[in-house]
Amino acid sequence: MTLIDAHSDRILFEHRGGQYELNRLAEGQWSIRSLDGRAFGTLQVISPEGEEHLPVYGGFLPGETDTLSEGSDWDGIVRDVINNGLDR
């Protein structure tokens, strides 16, 4: 697992044969989108330091206030949000 830079404006990655991006919306908050513009949700820092002294992230679906998943593995959380959208 790599750490996400809280100041990264854009991160590109592949998942399940598609191309996706994280775009920074604000400090500690990124939108999760496919490259064709489909919105899957957001990734947010919900605590700057968790049990393992790493930031804790939350994955949110569009329009939701409760997290779909939480933890220090931001990559896994983003993929979980995308999987939820793809499997609908």
C-alpha atoms as a PDB file:
ATOM      1  CA  MET A   1       0.000   0.000   0.000  1.00  0.00           C
ATOM      2  CA  THR A   2       1.264   3.448  -0.842  1.00  0.00           C
ATOM      3  CA  LEU A   3       0.397   6.575   1.052  1.00  0.00           C
ATOM      4  CA  ILE A   4      -1.640   9.169  -0.770  1.00  0.00           C
ATOM      5  CA  ASP A   5      -0.182  12.648  -0.718  1.00  0.00           C
ATOM      6  CA  ALA A   6      -2.795  14.882   0.881  1.00  0.00           C
ATOM      7  CA  HIS A   7      -1.832  17.553  -1.656  1.00  0.00           C
ATOM      8  CA  SER A   8      -2.135  15.390  -4.803  1.00  0.00           C
ATOM      9  CA  ASP A   9      -4.450  17.070  -7.301  1.00  0.00           C
ATOM     10  CA  ARG A  10      -4.944  14.086  -9.619  1.00  0.00           C
ATOM     11  CA  ILE A  11      -4.173  10.377  -9.435  1.00  0.00           C
ATOM     12  CA  LEU A  12      -4.816   8.045 -12.385  1.00  0.00           C
ATOM     13  CA  PHE A  13      -5.185   4.267 -12.040  1.00  0.00           C
ATOM     14  CA  GLU A  14      -6.690   1.167 -13.635  1.00  0.00           C
ATOM     15  CA  HIS A  15      -9.288  -1.124 -12.107  1.00  0.00           C
ATOM     16  CA  ARG A  16     -11.328  -3.969 -13.592  1.00  0.00           C
ATOM     17  CA  GLY A  17     -10.277  -3.053 -17.113  1.00  0.00           C
ATOM     18  CA  GLY A  18     -11.219   0.627 -16.807  1.00  0.00           C
ATOM     19  CA  GLN A  19      -9.405   3.911 -16.277  1.00  0.00           C
ATOM     20  CA  TYR A  20     -10.216   6.012 -13.209  1.00  0.00           C
ATOM     21  CA  GLU A  21      -9.025   9.143 -11.497  1.00  0.00           C
ATOM     22  CA  LEU A  22      -9.033  10.845  -8.144  1.00  0.00           C
ATOM     23  CA  ASN A  23      -9.319  14.620  -8.355  1.00  0.00           C
ATOM     24  CA  ARG A  24      -8.720  16.747  -5.291  1.00  0.00           C
ATOM     25  CA  LEU A  25     -11.792  18.747  -4.331  1.00  0.00           C
ATOM     26  CA  ALA A  26     -10.404  20.213  -1.107  1.00  0.00           C
ATOM     27  CA  GLU A  27      -7.727  19.427   1.450  1.00  0.00           C
ATOM     28  CA  GLY A  28      -8.162  15.711   2.254  1.00  0.00           C
ATOM     29  CA  GLN A  29     -11.063  15.149  -0.157  1.00  0.00           C
ATOM     30  CA  TRP A  30     -11.032  13.642  -3.666  1.00  0.00           C
ATOM     31  CA  SER A  31     -13.720  12.779  -6.204  1.00  0.00           C
ATOM     32  CA  ILE A  32     -13.660   9.259  -7.650  1.00  0.00           C
ATOM     33  CA  ARG A  33     -14.523   9.222 -11.367  1.00  0.00           C
ATOM     34  CA  SER A  34     -14.040   7.195 -14.502  1.00  0.00           C
ATOM     35  CA  LEU A  35     -12.135   8.994 -17.246  1.00  0.00           C
ATOM     36  CA  ASP A  36     -15.405   9.395 -19.164  1.00  0.00           C
ATOM     37  CA  GLY A  37     -16.752  11.480 -16.248  1.00  0.00           C
ATOM     38  CA  ARG A  38     -18.965   8.993 -14.387  1.00  0.00           C
ATOM     39  CA  ALA A  39     -18.995   9.876 -10.675  1.00  0.00           C
ATOM     40  CA  PHE A  40     -18.564   6.963  -8.272  1.00  0.00           C
ATOM     41  CA  GLY A  41     -18.191   8.862  -4.995  1.00  0.00           C
ATOM     42  CA  THR A  42     -15.538  10.519  -2.860  1.00  0.00           C
ATOM     43  CA  LEU A  43     -12.535   9.631  -0.748  1.00  0.00           C
ATOM     44  CA  GLN A  44     -12.034  11.716   2.391  1.00  0.00           C
ATOM     45  CA  VAL A  45      -9.587  11.843   5.263  1.00  0.00           C
ATOM     46  CA  ILE A  46     -11.784  11.203   8.293  1.00  0.00           C
ATOM     47  CA  SER A  47      -8.941  11.179  10.814  1.00  0.00           C
ATOM     48  CA  PRO A  48      -5.379  12.442  10.305  1.00  0.00           C
ATOM     49  CA  GLU A  49      -3.951   9.584  12.376  1.00  0.00           C
ATOM     50  CA  GLY A  50      -5.392   6.177  13.202  1.00  0.00           C
ATOM     51  CA  GLU A  51      -4.189   3.220  15.277  1.00  0.00           C
ATOM     52  CA  GLU A  52      -1.189   2.572  13.030  1.00  0.00           C
ATOM     53  CA  HIS A  53      -0.257   6.286  12.943  1.00  0.00           C
ATOM     54  CA  LEU A  54      -1.547   6.510   9.359  1.00  0.00           C
ATOM     55  CA  PRO A  55      -4.424   8.667   8.091  1.00  0.00           C
ATOM     56  CA  VAL A  56      -7.851   7.043   8.126  1.00  0.00           C
ATOM     57  CA  TYR A  57      -9.881   7.435   4.933  1.00  0.00           C
ATOM     58  CA  GLY A  58     -13.556   6.985   4.244  1.00  0.00           C
ATOM     59  CA  GLY A  59     -15.187   6.083   0.953  1.00  0.00           C
ATOM     60  CA  PHE A  60     -18.547   7.730   0.295  1.00  0.00           C
ATOM     61  CA  LEU A  61     -21.086   6.948  -2.409  1.00  0.00           C
ATOM     62  CA  PRO A  62     -22.729   9.919  -4.172  1.00  0.00           C
ATOM     63  CA  GLY A  63     -25.257  11.626  -1.907  1.00  0.00           C
ATOM     64  CA  GLU A  64     -24.397   9.460   1.128  1.00  0.00           C
ATOM     65  CA  THR A  65     -23.184  10.750   4.492  1.00  0.00           C
ATOM     66  CA  ASP A  66     -22.201   7.349   5.898  1.00  0.00           C
ATOM     67  CA  THR A  67     -18.985   5.696   4.740  1.00  0.00           C
ATOM     68  CA  LEU A  68     -19.089   2.611   2.544  1.00  0.00           C
ATOM     69  CA  SER A  69     -15.723   1.603   4.003  1.00  0.00           C
ATOM     70  CA  GLU A  70     -13.002   3.095   6.196  1.00  0.00           C
ATOM     71  CA  GLY A  71      -9.345   2.458   6.894  1.00  0.00           C
ATOM     72  CA  SER A  72      -5.774   3.384   6.044  1.00  0.00           C
ATOM     73  CA  ASP A  73      -5.773   1.499   2.718  1.00  0.00           C
ATOM     74  CA  TRP A  74      -7.041   4.344   0.522  1.00  0.00           C
ATOM     75  CA  ASP A  75      -6.455   2.320  -2.644  1.00  0.00           C
ATOM     76  CA  GLY A  76      -8.680  -0.523  -1.439  1.00  0.00           C
ATOM     77  CA  ILE A  77     -11.368   1.928  -0.316  1.00  0.00           C
ATOM     78  CA  VAL A  78     -11.412   3.644  -3.729  1.00  0.00           C
ATOM     79  CA  ARG A  79     -11.669   0.266  -5.466  1.00  0.00           C
ATOM     80  CA  ASP A  80     -14.517  -0.706  -3.114  1.00  0.00           C
ATOM     81  CA  VAL A  81     -16.422   2.468  -4.059  1.00  0.00           C
ATOM     82  CA  ILE A  82     -15.853   1.780  -7.773  1.00  0.00           C
ATOM     83  CA  ASN A  83     -16.891  -1.867  -7.411  1.00  0.00           C
ATOM     84  CA  ASN A  84     -20.112  -0.770  -5.727  1.00  0.00           C
ATOM     85  CA  GLY A  85     -20.931   1.485  -8.683  1.00  0.00           C
ATOM     86  CA  LEU A  86     -19.969  -1.089 -11.302  1.00  0.00           C
ATOM     87  CA  ASP A  87     -21.997  -3.841  -9.649  1.00  0.00           C
ATOM     88  CA  ARG A  88     -25.223  -1.818  -9.510  1.00  0.00           C
END
